């Protein structure tokens, strides 16, 4: 029996969290775009100044932004990495490190940018 630990369950859980986040946020975004297009939501209510004020100056808005973005990064990169394997592209361990390491750096950068 081997005591070797694998990181794959952690990566799949991040993928699942990102997929769930995407499943919750994208329908709302579509409804908002449709609402503006049909005139049900005034365009001024979603102006850049108002939205940036909510998402960048308000702790609740910052948390919503982080919950929408960071797990989505992990879901997307996991799909890209495993999709490349499905297409027969096996680039080795350096590609996995590049994918997941880059996503980790992007996640940390996003958290630092939004919260600071």
Protein backbone atom coordinates (compact mmCIF):
# COMPACT_ATOMS: atom_id res chain seq x y z
CA UNK A 1 0.00 0.00 0.00
CA UNK A 2 1.32 3.40 -0.95
CA UNK A 3 1.14 6.44 1.30
CA UNK A 4 1.53 8.79 -1.67
CA UNK A 5 -0.95 11.64 -1.45
CA UNK A 6 -2.60 13.09 -4.54
CA UNK A 7 -3.73 16.67 -5.07
CA UNK A 8 -6.36 15.59 -7.60
CA UNK A 9 -9.29 15.49 -5.07
CA UNK A 10 -8.54 19.08 -4.08
CA UNK A 11 -8.47 20.17 -7.73
CA UNK A 12 -11.75 18.39 -8.45
CA UNK A 13 -13.38 20.05 -5.43
CA UNK A 14 -12.24 23.48 -6.67
CA UNK A 15 -13.62 22.56 -10.10
CA UNK A 16 -16.95 21.61 -8.50
CA UNK A 17 -17.09 24.86 -6.53
CA UNK A 18 -16.37 26.85 -9.67
CA UNK A 19 -18.96 24.96 -11.70
CA UNK A 20 -21.57 25.60 -9.01
CA UNK A 21 -20.65 29.27 -8.89
CA UNK A 22 -20.96 29.56 -12.66
CA UNK A 23 -24.31 27.75 -12.56
CA UNK A 24 -25.67 30.29 -10.05
CA UNK A 25 -24.22 33.52 -11.45
CA UNK A 26 -24.58 33.15 -15.22
CA UNK A 27 -28.39 32.81 -15.31
CA UNK A 28 -28.66 35.95 -13.17
CA UNK A 29 -26.31 37.80 -15.51
CA UNK A 30 -28.39 36.69 -18.51
CA UNK A 31 -31.60 37.87 -16.81
CA UNK A 32 -30.02 41.25 -16.04
CA UNK A 33 -28.89 41.70 -19.66
CA UNK A 34 -32.36 40.71 -20.89
CA UNK A 35 -33.97 43.03 -18.35
CA UNK A 36 -31.92 45.98 -19.58
CA UNK A 37 -32.55 45.07 -23.23
CA UNK A 38 -36.31 44.85 -22.69
CA UNK A 39 -36.41 48.04 -20.62
CA UNK A 40 -37.48 46.32 -17.39
CA UNK A 41 -34.27 47.49 -15.68
CA UNK A 42 -33.15 51.07 -16.27
CA UNK A 43 -29.62 51.18 -17.71
CA UNK A 44 -28.69 53.95 -15.25
CA UNK A 45 -29.23 51.52 -12.36
CA UNK A 46 -26.29 49.49 -13.65
CA UNK A 47 -23.97 52.34 -14.61
CA UNK A 48 -20.22 51.86 -14.27
CA UNK A 49 -19.98 54.34 -11.39
CA UNK A 50 -22.77 52.66 -9.45
CA UNK A 51 -21.56 49.11 -10.03
CA UNK A 52 -17.89 49.85 -9.31
CA UNK A 53 -18.98 51.67 -6.15
CA UNK A 54 -20.92 48.62 -5.00
CA UNK A 55 -18.37 45.96 -5.94
CA UNK A 56 -15.18 47.77 -4.99
CA UNK A 57 -16.15 50.07 -2.09
CA UNK A 58 -18.52 47.76 -0.23
CA UNK A 59 -17.30 44.67 1.66
CA UNK A 60 -20.43 42.69 0.73
CA UNK A 61 -19.94 43.57 -2.94
CA UNK A 62 -16.26 42.60 -2.73
CA UNK A 63 -17.17 39.20 -1.30
CA UNK A 64 -19.74 38.65 -4.06
CA UNK A 65 -17.12 39.54 -6.65
CA UNK A 66 -14.58 37.14 -5.13
CA UNK A 67 -17.12 34.31 -4.89
CA UNK A 68 -18.05 34.86 -8.54
CA UNK A 69 -14.50 35.07 -9.89
CA UNK A 70 -12.05 32.89 -7.98
CA UNK A 71 -13.89 29.53 -8.10
CA UNK A 72 -14.69 30.19 -11.76
CA UNK A 73 -10.96 30.41 -12.52
CA UNK A 74 -10.44 26.94 -11.07
CA UNK A 75 -13.37 25.43 -12.98
CA UNK A 76 -12.13 26.91 -16.25
CA UNK A 77 -8.51 25.82 -15.87
CA UNK A 78 -9.54 22.33 -14.79
CA UNK A 79 -11.68 22.02 -17.92
CA UNK A 80 -8.81 23.29 -20.08
CA UNK A 81 -6.30 20.90 -18.52
CA UNK A 82 -8.50 17.81 -18.72
CA UNK A 83 -9.87 18.86 -22.11
CA UNK A 84 -6.33 18.88 -23.48
CA UNK A 85 -5.92 15.29 -22.25
CA UNK A 86 -9.20 14.31 -23.92
CA UNK A 87 -7.84 15.71 -27.18
CA UNK A 88 -4.70 13.62 -26.80
CA UNK A 89 -2.45 16.51 -25.83
CA UNK A 90 -0.20 15.30 -23.00
CA UNK A 91 2.34 17.99 -22.21
CA UNK A 92 3.62 16.57 -18.91
CA UNK A 93 3.90 17.83 -15.38
CA UNK A 94 5.16 21.27 -16.36
CA UNK A 95 1.83 21.98 -18.11
CA UNK A 96 -0.11 20.99 -14.99
CA UNK A 97 2.13 23.20 -12.89
CA UNK A 98 1.70 26.07 -15.35
CA UNK A 99 -2.09 25.71 -15.40
CA UNK A 100 -2.75 25.32 -11.69
CA UNK A 101 0.15 27.48 -10.56
CA UNK A 102 -1.00 30.27 -12.85
CA UNK A 103 -4.53 29.95 -11.54
CA UNK A 104 -3.27 30.10 -7.96
CA UNK A 105 -1.31 33.28 -8.75
CA UNK A 106 -4.35 34.78 -10.51
CA UNK A 107 -6.58 33.89 -7.54
CA UNK A 108 -4.21 35.51 -5.04
CA UNK A 109 -3.84 38.57 -7.27
CA UNK A 110 -7.65 38.87 -7.57
CA UNK A 111 -8.15 38.65 -3.80
CA UNK A 112 -5.41 41.20 -3.17
CA UNK A 113 -6.70 43.59 -5.85
CA UNK A 114 -10.33 43.44 -4.73
CA UNK A 115 -9.73 43.64 -0.99
CA UNK A 116 -6.89 46.20 -0.96
